[in-house]
Amino acid sequence: MGTATKRTTVYFDPGLHRALRLKAAETDRSLSELVNEAVRLSLAEDAEDLAAFEERSAEPDLLFEEVLKDLQRRGKI
């Protein structure tokens, strides 16, 4: 971790905490490293999702009912 880290308290489900401790021991990494990596990955996934939504924002909206009717008309359902 860098020098500009922040400290916080996080409460884990007991089973999740045990699994996290085991993974930390097996990978020779700290709990903080594992949690930081997981949060980074989650935030990166959110950023990718937002970018995908932005890219598709100009696409026309499809009503669920219309999609169902089209699938029925084409014998797909």
N, C-alpha and C. Protein backbone atom coordinates (compact mmCIF):
# COMPACT_ATOMS: atom_id res chain seq x y z
N MET A 1 0.83 -1.19 0.00
CA MET A 1 0.00 0.00 0.00
C MET A 1 0.87 1.24 0.00
N GLY A 2 0.38 2.30 -0.61
CA GLY A 2 1.12 3.55 -0.66
C GLY A 2 1.03 4.31 0.65
N THR A 3 1.72 5.44 0.70
CA THR A 3 1.75 6.22 1.93
C THR A 3 0.46 7.01 2.15
N ALA A 4 -0.34 7.20 1.13
CA ALA A 4 -1.55 8.01 1.26
C ALA A 4 -2.78 7.14 1.48
N THR A 5 -2.62 6.01 2.17
CA THR A 5 -3.76 5.14 2.40
C THR A 5 -4.65 5.68 3.50
N LYS A 6 -5.90 5.28 3.48
CA LYS A 6 -6.88 5.67 4.49
C LYS A 6 -7.32 4.43 5.24
N ARG A 7 -7.59 4.60 6.50
CA ARG A 7 -8.02 3.49 7.33
C ARG A 7 -9.53 3.57 7.52
N THR A 8 -10.18 2.39 7.49
CA THR A 8 -11.61 2.32 7.72
C THR A 8 -11.95 0.99 8.37
N THR A 9 -13.13 0.88 8.89
CA THR A 9 -13.60 -0.37 9.47
C THR A 9 -14.62 -0.98 8.53
N VAL A 10 -14.42 -2.25 8.22
CA VAL A 10 -15.33 -2.98 7.34
C VAL A 10 -15.76 -4.23 8.09
N TYR A 11 -17.05 -4.52 8.08
CA TYR A 11 -17.57 -5.70 8.74
C TYR A 11 -17.89 -6.76 7.69
N PHE A 12 -17.30 -7.96 7.85
CA PHE A 12 -17.51 -9.06 6.92
C PHE A 12 -18.36 -10.14 7.57
N ASP A 13 -19.12 -10.82 6.75
CA ASP A 13 -19.78 -12.03 7.16
C ASP A 13 -18.68 -13.00 7.66
N PRO A 14 -18.90 -13.74 8.75
CA PRO A 14 -17.84 -14.60 9.29
C PRO A 14 -17.25 -15.58 8.27
N GLY A 15 -18.09 -16.19 7.46
CA GLY A 15 -17.58 -17.13 6.46
C GLY A 15 -16.73 -16.44 5.41
N LEU A 16 -17.15 -15.27 4.99
CA LEU A 16 -16.40 -14.49 4.01
C LEU A 16 -15.07 -14.04 4.61
N HIS A 17 -15.09 -13.64 5.86
CA HIS A 17 -13.86 -13.20 6.52
C HIS A 17 -12.87 -14.36 6.63
N ARG A 18 -13.37 -15.53 6.97
CA ARG A 18 -12.48 -16.70 7.06
C ARG A 18 -11.86 -17.01 5.70
N ALA A 19 -12.69 -17.00 4.65
CA ALA A 19 -12.18 -17.27 3.30
C ALA A 19 -11.16 -16.23 2.89
N LEU A 20 -11.41 -14.98 3.23
CA LEU A 20 -10.48 -13.91 2.90
C LEU A 20 -9.15 -14.09 3.63
N ARG A 21 -9.22 -14.45 4.91
CA ARG A 21 -7.98 -14.69 5.68
C ARG A 21 -7.19 -15.85 5.09
N LEU A 22 -7.90 -16.92 4.70
CA LEU A 22 -7.22 -18.07 4.10
C LEU A 22 -6.56 -17.69 2.78
N LYS A 23 -7.28 -16.94 1.96
CA LYS A 23 -6.70 -16.52 0.68
C LYS A 23 -5.49 -15.63 0.90
N ALA A 24 -5.57 -14.74 1.88
CA ALA A 24 -4.44 -13.87 2.18
C ALA A 24 -3.22 -14.70 2.58
N ALA A 25 -3.44 -15.70 3.41
CA ALA A 25 -2.33 -16.55 3.85
C ALA A 25 -1.76 -17.36 2.70
N GLU A 26 -2.64 -17.90 1.86
CA GLU A 26 -2.19 -18.73 0.73
C GLU A 26 -1.46 -17.93 -0.33
N THR A 27 -1.82 -16.66 -0.49
CA THR A 27 -1.22 -15.84 -1.54
C THR A 27 -0.15 -14.90 -1.01
N ASP A 28 0.10 -14.98 0.30
CA ASP A 28 1.10 -14.12 0.95
C ASP A 28 0.80 -12.65 0.69
N ARG A 29 -0.48 -12.31 0.80
CA ARG A 29 -0.91 -10.93 0.64
C ARG A 29 -1.72 -10.54 1.87
N SER A 30 -1.86 -9.26 2.09
CA SER A 30 -2.63 -8.80 3.24
C SER A 30 -4.12 -8.75 2.90
N LEU A 31 -4.95 -8.73 3.94
CA LEU A 31 -6.38 -8.55 3.74
C LEU A 31 -6.65 -7.24 3.00
N SER A 32 -5.93 -6.21 3.37
CA SER A 32 -6.11 -4.91 2.72
C SER A 32 -5.81 -4.98 1.23
N GLU A 33 -4.74 -5.69 0.86
CA GLU A 33 -4.41 -5.82 -0.56
C GLU A 33 -5.52 -6.52 -1.32
N LEU A 34 -6.04 -7.60 -0.72
CA LEU A 34 -7.11 -8.35 -1.39
C LEU A 34 -8.38 -7.52 -1.52
N VAL A 35 -8.74 -6.81 -0.46
CA VAL A 35 -9.95 -5.99 -0.49
C VAL A 35 -9.78 -4.83 -1.47
N ASN A 36 -8.63 -4.18 -1.46
CA ASN A 36 -8.38 -3.09 -2.40
C ASN A 36 -8.49 -3.57 -3.84
N GLU A 37 -7.91 -4.75 -4.12
CA GLU A 37 -7.98 -5.28 -5.48
C GLU A 37 -9.43 -5.57 -5.88
N ALA A 38 -10.19 -6.17 -4.96
CA ALA A 38 -11.58 -6.50 -5.26
C ALA A 38 -12.40 -5.24 -5.51
N VAL A 39 -12.17 -4.20 -4.73
CA VAL A 39 -12.91 -2.95 -4.91
C VAL A 39 -12.51 -2.30 -6.23
N ARG A 40 -11.21 -2.30 -6.54
CA ARG A 40 -10.75 -1.74 -7.83
C ARG A 40 -11.42 -2.45 -9.00
N LEU A 41 -11.44 -3.79 -8.95
CA LEU A 41 -12.06 -4.56 -10.03
C LEU A 41 -13.55 -4.25 -10.14
N SER A 42 -14.22 -4.14 -9.01
CA SER A 42 -15.65 -3.83 -9.02
C SER A 42 -15.90 -2.44 -9.62
N LEU A 43 -15.11 -1.46 -9.23
CA LEU A 43 -15.26 -0.11 -9.77
C LEU A 43 -14.93 -0.05 -11.25
N ALA A 44 -13.92 -0.82 -11.67
CA ALA A 44 -13.57 -0.86 -13.10
C ALA A 44 -14.72 -1.47 -13.90
N GLU A 45 -15.35 -2.51 -13.35
CA GLU A 45 -16.50 -3.12 -14.02
C GLU A 45 -17.65 -2.12 -14.12
N ASP A 46 -17.87 -1.36 -13.05
CA ASP A 46 -18.91 -0.33 -13.10
C ASP A 46 -18.61 0.70 -14.18
N ALA A 47 -17.34 1.11 -14.29
CA ALA A 47 -16.95 2.09 -15.29
C ALA A 47 -17.18 1.54 -16.70
N GLU A 48 -16.86 0.25 -16.90
CA GLU A 48 -17.10 -0.38 -18.20
C GLU A 48 -18.59 -0.41 -18.52
N ASP A 49 -19.40 -0.74 -17.51
CA ASP A 49 -20.85 -0.77 -17.71
C ASP A 49 -21.38 0.61 -18.09
N LEU A 50 -20.91 1.64 -17.38
CA LEU A 50 -21.36 3.00 -17.69
C LEU A 50 -20.94 3.42 -19.09
N ALA A 51 -19.73 3.04 -19.50
CA ALA A 51 -19.26 3.36 -20.84
C ALA A 51 -20.13 2.65 -21.89
N ALA A 52 -20.49 1.41 -21.62
CA ALA A 52 -21.35 0.66 -22.55
C ALA A 52 -22.72 1.31 -22.65
N PHE A 53 -23.27 1.74 -21.51
CA PHE A 53 -24.56 2.43 -21.54
C PHE A 53 -24.46 3.71 -22.35
N GLU A 54 -23.38 4.45 -22.17
CA GLU A 54 -23.19 5.71 -22.89
C GLU A 54 -23.10 5.45 -24.39
N GLU A 55 -22.35 4.42 -24.78
CA GLU A 55 -22.21 4.09 -26.20
C GLU A 55 -23.55 3.73 -26.83
N ARG A 56 -24.43 3.13 -26.05
CA ARG A 56 -25.71 2.67 -26.59
C ARG A 56 -26.85 3.64 -26.33
N SER A 57 -26.55 4.81 -25.77
CA SER A 57 -27.60 5.74 -25.39
C SER A 57 -28.42 6.25 -26.57
N ALA A 58 -27.84 6.25 -27.76
CA ALA A 58 -28.56 6.75 -28.93
C ALA A 58 -29.44 5.69 -29.58
N GLU A 59 -29.32 4.43 -29.12
CA GLU A 59 -30.13 3.37 -29.70
C GLU A 59 -31.60 3.57 -29.30
N PRO A 60 -32.50 3.15 -30.16
CA PRO A 60 -33.93 3.32 -29.83
C PRO A 60 -34.33 2.41 -28.68
N ASP A 61 -35.30 2.87 -27.89
CA ASP A 61 -35.84 2.06 -26.81
C ASP A 61 -36.77 1.01 -27.40
N LEU A 62 -36.73 -0.17 -26.83
CA LEU A 62 -37.64 -1.23 -27.24
C LEU A 62 -38.55 -1.56 -26.07
N LEU A 63 -39.83 -1.58 -26.34
CA LEU A 63 -40.78 -1.95 -25.31
C LEU A 63 -40.81 -3.47 -25.19
N PHE A 64 -40.82 -3.95 -23.97
CA PHE A 64 -40.80 -5.38 -23.71
C PHE A 64 -41.95 -6.09 -24.42
N GLU A 65 -43.12 -5.48 -24.35
CA GLU A 65 -44.29 -6.09 -24.98
C GLU A 65 -44.11 -6.23 -26.49
N GLU A 66 -43.49 -5.24 -27.11
CA GLU A 66 -43.26 -5.30 -28.55
C GLU A 66 -42.25 -6.39 -28.91
N VAL A 67 -41.24 -6.54 -28.08
CA VAL A 67 -40.25 -7.60 -28.32
C VAL A 67 -40.92 -8.96 -28.20
N LEU A 68 -41.76 -9.15 -27.19
CA LEU A 68 -42.48 -10.41 -27.02
C LEU A 68 -43.38 -10.71 -28.22
N LYS A 69 -44.11 -9.70 -28.66
CA LYS A 69 -45.00 -9.88 -29.82
C LYS A 69 -44.20 -10.26 -31.06
N ASP A 70 -43.05 -9.62 -31.25
CA ASP A 70 -42.20 -9.93 -32.40
C ASP A 70 -41.69 -11.36 -32.32
N LEU A 71 -41.25 -11.78 -31.15
CA LEU A 71 -40.77 -13.16 -30.98
C LEU A 71 -41.89 -14.15 -31.23
N GLN A 72 -43.09 -13.85 -30.75
CA GLN A 72 -44.24 -14.73 -30.99
C GLN A 72 -44.58 -14.78 -32.47
N ARG A 73 -44.58 -13.64 -33.12
CA ARG A 73 -44.90 -13.56 -34.55
C ARG A 73 -43.93 -14.39 -35.37
N ARG A 74 -42.67 -14.39 -34.95
CA ARG A 74 -41.64 -15.15 -35.70
C ARG A 74 -41.51 -16.59 -35.22
N GLY A 75 -42.39 -17.00 -34.29
CA GLY A 75 -42.40 -18.38 -33.82
C GLY A 75 -41.21 -18.75 -32.94
N LYS A 76 -40.60 -17.76 -32.34
CA LYS A 76 -39.44 -18.01 -31.47
C LYS A 76 -39.86 -18.40 -30.05
N ILE A 77 -41.07 -17.99 -29.69
CA ILE A 77 -41.60 -18.39 -28.36
C ILE A 77 -43.05 -18.79 -28.50
